[in-house]
Protein backbone atom coordinates (compact mmCIF):
# COMPACT_ATOMS: atom_id res chain seq x y z
CA MET A 1 -10.94 -131.52 23.54
CA LYS A 2 -11.63 -129.64 26.76
CA SER A 3 -9.97 -130.92 29.86
CA ILE A 4 -12.32 -132.01 32.59
CA GLN A 5 -11.70 -131.97 36.30
CA GLN A 6 -13.64 -134.36 38.46
CA ILE A 7 -14.85 -133.08 41.82
CA THR A 8 -16.90 -134.58 44.60
CA LEU A 9 -19.91 -132.66 45.85
CA ARG A 10 -21.53 -133.22 49.20
CA LEU A 11 -25.20 -132.39 49.19
CA PRO A 12 -27.61 -132.34 52.10
CA GLU A 13 -29.73 -135.49 52.00
CA ASP A 14 -32.98 -133.69 51.22
CA LEU A 15 -31.36 -131.90 48.27
CA ALA A 16 -29.78 -135.12 46.96
CA ILE A 17 -33.18 -136.85 47.10
CA ARG A 18 -34.82 -133.98 45.18
CA LEU A 19 -32.02 -134.03 42.58
CA ALA A 20 -32.40 -137.78 42.10
CA ALA A 21 -36.18 -137.51 41.86
CA CYS A 22 -36.20 -134.65 39.34
CA THR A 23 -33.19 -135.47 37.15
CA PRO A 24 -32.45 -138.70 35.28
CA SER A 25 -29.25 -140.35 36.52
CA ARG A 26 -27.36 -139.81 33.26
CA LYS A 27 -28.30 -136.10 33.20
CA ARG A 28 -27.38 -135.11 36.77
CA ASN A 29 -23.79 -134.18 36.02
CA GLN A 30 -24.82 -131.85 33.17
CA PHE A 31 -27.59 -130.42 35.35
CA VAL A 32 -25.06 -129.42 38.04
CA VAL A 33 -22.60 -128.12 35.42
CA ASP A 34 -25.32 -125.92 33.91
CA LEU A 35 -26.33 -124.57 37.32
CA VAL A 36 -22.76 -123.72 38.30
CA ARG A 37 -22.04 -122.11 34.92
CA ARG A 38 -25.26 -120.05 35.02
CA GLU A 39 -24.55 -118.79 38.55
CA LEU A 40 -20.92 -117.90 37.78
CA ASP A 41 -21.98 -116.10 34.59
CA ARG A 42 -24.61 -114.15 36.55
CA GLU A 43 -22.01 -113.14 39.12
CA SER A 44 -19.60 -112.04 36.37
CA ARG A 45 -22.34 -109.94 34.74
CA GLU A 46 -23.18 -108.29 38.06
CA LEU A 47 -19.51 -107.43 38.65
CA GLU A 48 -19.18 -106.04 35.14
CA GLU A 49 -22.34 -103.94 35.54
CA ALA A 50 -21.09 -102.61 38.88
CA ALA A 51 -17.75 -101.68 37.32
CA LEU A 52 -19.52 -99.87 34.47
CA ARG A 53 -21.75 -97.96 36.93
CA LEU A 54 -18.71 -96.97 38.99
CA THR A 55 -16.84 -95.83 35.87
CA SER A 56 -19.87 -93.79 34.84
CA LEU A 57 -20.14 -92.18 38.27
CA GLU A 58 -16.43 -91.37 38.29
CA ALA A 59 -16.67 -89.81 34.82
CA ALA A 60 -19.60 -87.65 35.94
CA HIS A 61 -17.59 -86.31 38.88
CA GLU A 62 -14.21 -86.12 37.15
CA SER A 63 -13.86 -82.35 37.57
CA GLU A 64 -14.36 -82.63 41.34
CA ASP A 65 -11.35 -84.93 41.58
CA THR A 66 -9.03 -82.22 40.31
CA ASP A 67 -10.45 -79.36 42.44
CA TRP A 68 -7.77 -79.89 45.06
CA LEU A 69 -5.07 -79.05 42.52
CA ALA A 70 -6.42 -75.51 42.09
CA LEU A 71 -6.68 -74.69 45.80
CA GLU A 72 -4.28 -72.08 47.08
CA ASP A 73 -2.27 -73.15 50.08
CA ASP A 74 -0.30 -70.06 51.14
CA ALA A 75 -0.20 -71.10 54.82
CA ALA A 76 1.46 -74.46 54.20
CA SER A 77 4.97 -74.90 52.94
CA ALA A 78 5.86 -77.34 50.18
CA ASP A 79 6.68 -80.00 52.78
CA GLU A 80 3.45 -79.76 54.85
CA PHE A 81 -0.20 -80.15 54.19
CA ASP A 82 -2.70 -78.00 56.08
CA GLU A 83 -5.81 -80.14 56.15
CA LYS A 84 -8.01 -77.48 57.82
CA LEU A 85 -7.15 -74.88 55.19
CA PHE A 86 -7.64 -77.39 52.41
CA LEU A 87 -11.09 -78.39 53.66
CA MET A 88 -12.14 -74.77 54.22
CA GLU A 89 -11.15 -73.82 50.66
CA LEU A 90 -12.76 -76.91 49.21
CA HIS A 91 -16.06 -76.25 51.00
CA ALA A 92 -15.93 -72.58 50.00
CA ARG A 93 -15.57 -73.54 46.34
CA LYS A 94 -18.35 -76.13 46.54
CA ASP A 95 -20.63 -73.65 48.35
CA LYS A 96 -20.17 -71.10 45.56
CA ALA A 97 -20.98 -73.48 42.71
CA PRO A 98 -24.38 -74.79 43.89
CA LYS A 99 -25.64 -71.29 44.83
CA SER A 100 -25.04 -69.94 41.34
CA THR A 101 -26.63 -73.04 39.84
CA LEU A 102 -29.67 -72.74 42.11
CA ALA A 103 -30.06 -69.03 41.38
CA ALA A 104 -29.98 -69.68 37.63
CA ALA A 105 -32.59 -72.43 37.98
CA ALA A 106 -34.99 -70.23 39.99
């Protein structure tokens, strides 16, 4: 048997009146349970769909994530990171790729 936890809900008066008018007294508890379950399930589905979309986007751009590993950094020693040089090389690589793609498409 499933364990049940009793909770007290406080509803605005107008909402309580509508609930009483539209739902038989012995069905109100199940009505609220169904609403809460449906809303939580919807939220879970939305989170799962968002996670799947993000995973798909990450997979589509996976090669871009490793571009920084191939960049040459002669100016910086092993202990320092030269952000300006890194960004210049990264932009140079990205500028080369779209131009060749656009030229092939034209």
